[in-house]
Amino acid sequence: QTKPPLIVAAAGNDSTDGLILPCSYSGVICVGAHGVDGGLTHFSNFVSGVEVAAPGQNILSTWPMKLRNKIYTD
């Protein structure tokens, strides 16, 4: 018997308490974002369906800062 696929999705970055698709589907692991202090970030969606949090702030990246959207660099 084959197991269903593991589906993990971001909770969203709207700072709301509503689940977005695909997080609202049954069987999807919903992940919020936490900051350097371990608490949820100010932008992460929060709701009882968020099951785990992962680093989501001040992430080291290879994406050049000059190519980032202005909303994230202010």
N, C-alpha and C. Protein backbone atom coordinates (compact mmCIF):
# COMPACT_ATOMS: atom_id res chain seq x y z
N GLN A 1 0.85 -1.17 0.00
CA GLN A 1 0.00 0.00 0.00
C GLN A 1 0.90 1.24 0.00
N THR A 2 0.60 2.19 -0.87
CA THR A 2 1.40 3.41 -0.95
C THR A 2 0.84 4.46 -0.01
N LYS A 3 1.74 5.24 0.54
CA LYS A 3 1.35 6.33 1.43
C LYS A 3 1.02 7.56 0.60
N PRO A 4 0.10 8.39 1.09
CA PRO A 4 -0.17 9.64 0.37
C PRO A 4 1.05 10.54 0.45
N PRO A 5 1.22 11.44 -0.51
CA PRO A 5 2.39 12.32 -0.49
C PRO A 5 2.33 13.29 0.70
N LEU A 6 3.50 13.66 1.17
CA LEU A 6 3.60 14.66 2.23
C LEU A 6 3.53 16.04 1.58
N ILE A 7 2.57 16.83 2.02
CA ILE A 7 2.41 18.17 1.45
C ILE A 7 2.61 19.19 2.56
N VAL A 8 3.55 20.10 2.36
CA VAL A 8 3.88 21.15 3.31
C VAL A 8 3.69 22.48 2.59
N ALA A 9 2.99 23.41 3.24
CA ALA A 9 2.70 24.69 2.59
C ALA A 9 2.88 25.84 3.57
N ALA A 10 3.19 27.00 3.03
CA ALA A 10 3.34 28.21 3.84
C ALA A 10 1.99 28.71 4.30
N ALA A 11 1.94 29.20 5.54
CA ALA A 11 0.71 29.74 6.11
C ALA A 11 0.29 31.03 5.43
N GLY A 12 1.24 31.77 4.89
CA GLY A 12 0.97 33.04 4.25
C GLY A 12 1.60 34.19 5.02
N ASN A 13 1.72 35.33 4.38
CA ASN A 13 2.38 36.49 4.96
C ASN A 13 1.46 37.71 5.01
N ASP A 14 0.21 37.48 5.39
CA ASP A 14 -0.76 38.57 5.43
C ASP A 14 -1.09 39.02 6.85
N SER A 15 -0.48 38.42 7.84
CA SER A 15 -0.74 38.73 9.25
C SER A 15 -2.22 38.62 9.59
N THR A 16 -2.86 37.55 9.09
CA THR A 16 -4.28 37.32 9.36
C THR A 16 -4.46 36.00 10.08
N ASP A 17 -5.65 35.78 10.57
CA ASP A 17 -5.93 34.52 11.25
C ASP A 17 -6.71 33.56 10.36
N GLY A 18 -6.65 33.77 9.06
CA GLY A 18 -7.34 32.89 8.12
C GLY A 18 -6.36 31.99 7.38
N LEU A 19 -6.75 30.74 7.19
CA LEU A 19 -5.91 29.82 6.42
C LEU A 19 -6.13 30.05 4.93
N ILE A 20 -5.06 30.01 4.18
CA ILE A 20 -5.14 30.16 2.74
C ILE A 20 -4.91 28.79 2.11
N LEU A 21 -5.25 28.66 0.85
CA LEU A 21 -4.96 27.42 0.12
C LEU A 21 -3.47 27.36 -0.14
N PRO A 22 -2.84 26.25 -0.07
CA PRO A 22 -3.37 24.92 0.19
C PRO A 22 -3.42 24.55 1.68
N CYS A 23 -3.07 25.48 2.57
CA CYS A 23 -3.05 25.15 4.00
C CYS A 23 -4.41 24.72 4.53
N SER A 24 -5.46 25.18 3.93
CA SER A 24 -6.78 24.85 4.44
C SER A 24 -7.24 23.44 4.07
N TYR A 25 -6.50 22.77 3.20
CA TYR A 25 -6.85 21.39 2.84
C TYR A 25 -6.46 20.42 3.96
N SER A 26 -7.26 19.40 4.12
CA SER A 26 -6.98 18.36 5.09
C SER A 26 -5.70 17.62 4.72
N GLY A 27 -4.88 17.33 5.70
CA GLY A 27 -3.66 16.56 5.46
C GLY A 27 -2.46 17.39 5.06
N VAL A 28 -2.61 18.70 4.92
CA VAL A 28 -1.50 19.58 4.56
C VAL A 28 -0.87 20.12 5.85
N ILE A 29 0.45 20.04 5.95
CA ILE A 29 1.17 20.59 7.09
C ILE A 29 1.38 22.08 6.80
N CYS A 30 0.84 22.92 7.67
CA CYS A 30 0.86 24.37 7.47
C CYS A 30 1.99 24.98 8.31
N VAL A 31 2.86 25.78 7.66
CA VAL A 31 4.05 26.32 8.31
C VAL A 31 4.00 27.84 8.36
N GLY A 32 4.12 28.37 9.57
CA GLY A 32 4.23 29.81 9.77
C GLY A 32 5.70 30.21 9.81
N ALA A 33 5.95 31.51 9.90
CA ALA A 33 7.32 32.02 9.94
C ALA A 33 7.64 32.55 11.32
N HIS A 34 8.83 32.20 11.83
CA HIS A 34 9.26 32.79 13.10
C HIS A 34 10.50 33.63 12.89
N GLY A 35 10.68 34.58 13.80
CA GLY A 35 11.82 35.49 13.73
C GLY A 35 13.00 34.97 14.51
N VAL A 36 13.99 35.81 14.65
CA VAL A 36 15.22 35.42 15.34
C VAL A 36 15.00 35.15 16.82
N ASP A 37 13.91 35.72 17.38
CA ASP A 37 13.61 35.48 18.80
C ASP A 37 12.79 34.21 19.02
N GLY A 38 12.39 33.53 17.95
CA GLY A 38 11.62 32.31 18.06
C GLY A 38 10.13 32.52 18.02
N GLY A 39 9.67 33.77 18.15
CA GLY A 39 8.24 34.07 18.08
C GLY A 39 7.80 34.26 16.64
N LEU A 40 6.49 34.12 16.41
CA LEU A 40 5.98 34.35 15.06
C LEU A 40 6.33 35.75 14.59
N THR A 41 6.66 35.89 13.32
CA THR A 41 6.96 37.20 12.75
C THR A 41 5.68 38.03 12.68
N HIS A 42 5.84 39.34 12.55
CA HIS A 42 4.69 40.22 12.47
C HIS A 42 3.87 40.00 11.21
N PHE A 43 4.46 39.41 10.18
CA PHE A 43 3.76 39.23 8.91
C PHE A 43 3.18 37.83 8.72
N SER A 44 3.58 36.87 9.52
CA SER A 44 3.12 35.50 9.35
C SER A 44 1.63 35.38 9.68
N ASN A 45 0.91 34.59 8.87
CA ASN A 45 -0.47 34.29 9.23
C ASN A 45 -0.46 33.42 10.47
N PHE A 46 -1.47 33.57 11.27
CA PHE A 46 -1.57 32.83 12.52
C PHE A 46 -3.00 32.32 12.66
N VAL A 47 -3.12 31.07 12.93
CA VAL A 47 -4.43 30.44 13.09
C VAL A 47 -4.18 29.06 13.67
N SER A 48 -5.19 28.45 14.21
CA SER A 48 -5.00 27.14 14.83
C SER A 48 -4.48 26.09 13.84
N GLY A 49 -4.67 26.31 12.54
CA GLY A 49 -4.20 25.35 11.54
C GLY A 49 -2.71 25.41 11.27
N VAL A 50 -2.02 26.44 11.77
CA VAL A 50 -0.57 26.52 11.61
C VAL A 50 0.05 25.54 12.61
N GLU A 51 0.71 24.53 12.07
CA GLU A 51 1.19 23.43 12.91
C GLU A 51 2.63 23.57 13.36
N VAL A 52 3.42 24.31 12.61
CA VAL A 52 4.84 24.43 12.91
C VAL A 52 5.33 25.77 12.35
N ALA A 53 6.41 26.27 12.92
CA ALA A 53 7.01 27.51 12.41
C ALA A 53 8.44 27.23 12.00
N ALA A 54 8.88 27.92 10.97
CA ALA A 54 10.24 27.77 10.46
C ALA A 54 10.85 29.16 10.34
N PRO A 55 12.19 29.25 10.32
CA PRO A 55 12.82 30.56 10.18
C PRO A 55 12.27 31.31 8.97
N GLY A 56 11.90 32.57 9.18
CA GLY A 56 11.32 33.34 8.10
C GLY A 56 11.74 34.79 8.08
N GLN A 57 12.73 35.13 8.88
CA GLN A 57 13.17 36.52 8.95
C GLN A 57 14.69 36.54 9.01
N ASN A 58 15.29 37.51 8.31
CA ASN A 58 16.76 37.64 8.25
C ASN A 58 17.42 36.35 7.77
N ILE A 59 16.90 35.81 6.67
CA ILE A 59 17.40 34.57 6.10
C ILE A 59 18.54 34.89 5.13
N LEU A 60 19.66 34.25 5.32
CA LEU A 60 20.79 34.40 4.40
C LEU A 60 20.41 33.79 3.06
N SER A 61 20.62 34.51 1.99
CA SER A 61 20.18 34.07 0.68
C SER A 61 21.23 34.41 -0.37
N THR A 62 21.18 33.71 -1.47
CA THR A 62 22.06 34.03 -2.60
C THR A 62 21.37 34.98 -3.58
N TRP A 63 20.10 35.35 -3.31
CA TRP A 63 19.37 36.28 -4.16
C TRP A 63 19.90 37.69 -3.92
N PRO A 64 20.35 38.40 -4.98
CA PRO A 64 20.92 39.73 -4.81
C PRO A 64 19.91 40.73 -4.24
N MET A 65 20.31 41.50 -3.25
CA MET A 65 19.43 42.48 -2.61
C MET A 65 18.88 43.49 -3.61
N LYS A 66 19.67 43.87 -4.61
CA LYS A 66 19.20 44.88 -5.56
C LYS A 66 18.06 44.36 -6.44
N LEU A 67 17.86 43.03 -6.48
CA LEU A 67 16.76 42.47 -7.27
C LEU A 67 15.51 42.23 -6.44
N ARG A 68 15.59 42.46 -5.13
CA ARG A 68 14.43 42.23 -4.27
C ARG A 68 13.40 43.32 -4.46
N ASN A 69 12.18 42.96 -4.22
CA ASN A 69 11.07 43.89 -4.28
C ASN A 69 11.28 44.96 -3.21
N LYS A 70 10.97 46.19 -3.48
CA LYS A 70 11.20 47.29 -2.54
C LYS A 70 10.47 47.11 -1.22
N ILE A 71 9.31 46.47 -1.23
CA ILE A 71 8.54 46.30 0.00
C ILE A 71 9.32 45.50 1.04
N TYR A 72 10.21 44.61 0.63
CA TYR A 72 10.96 43.78 1.56
C TYR A 72 12.30 44.39 1.98
N THR A 73 12.74 45.43 1.30
CA THR A 73 14.03 46.02 1.63
C THR A 73 13.89 47.28 2.45
N ASP A 74 12.68 47.80 2.63
CA ASP A 74 12.47 49.02 3.40
C ASP A 74 12.58 48.74 4.89
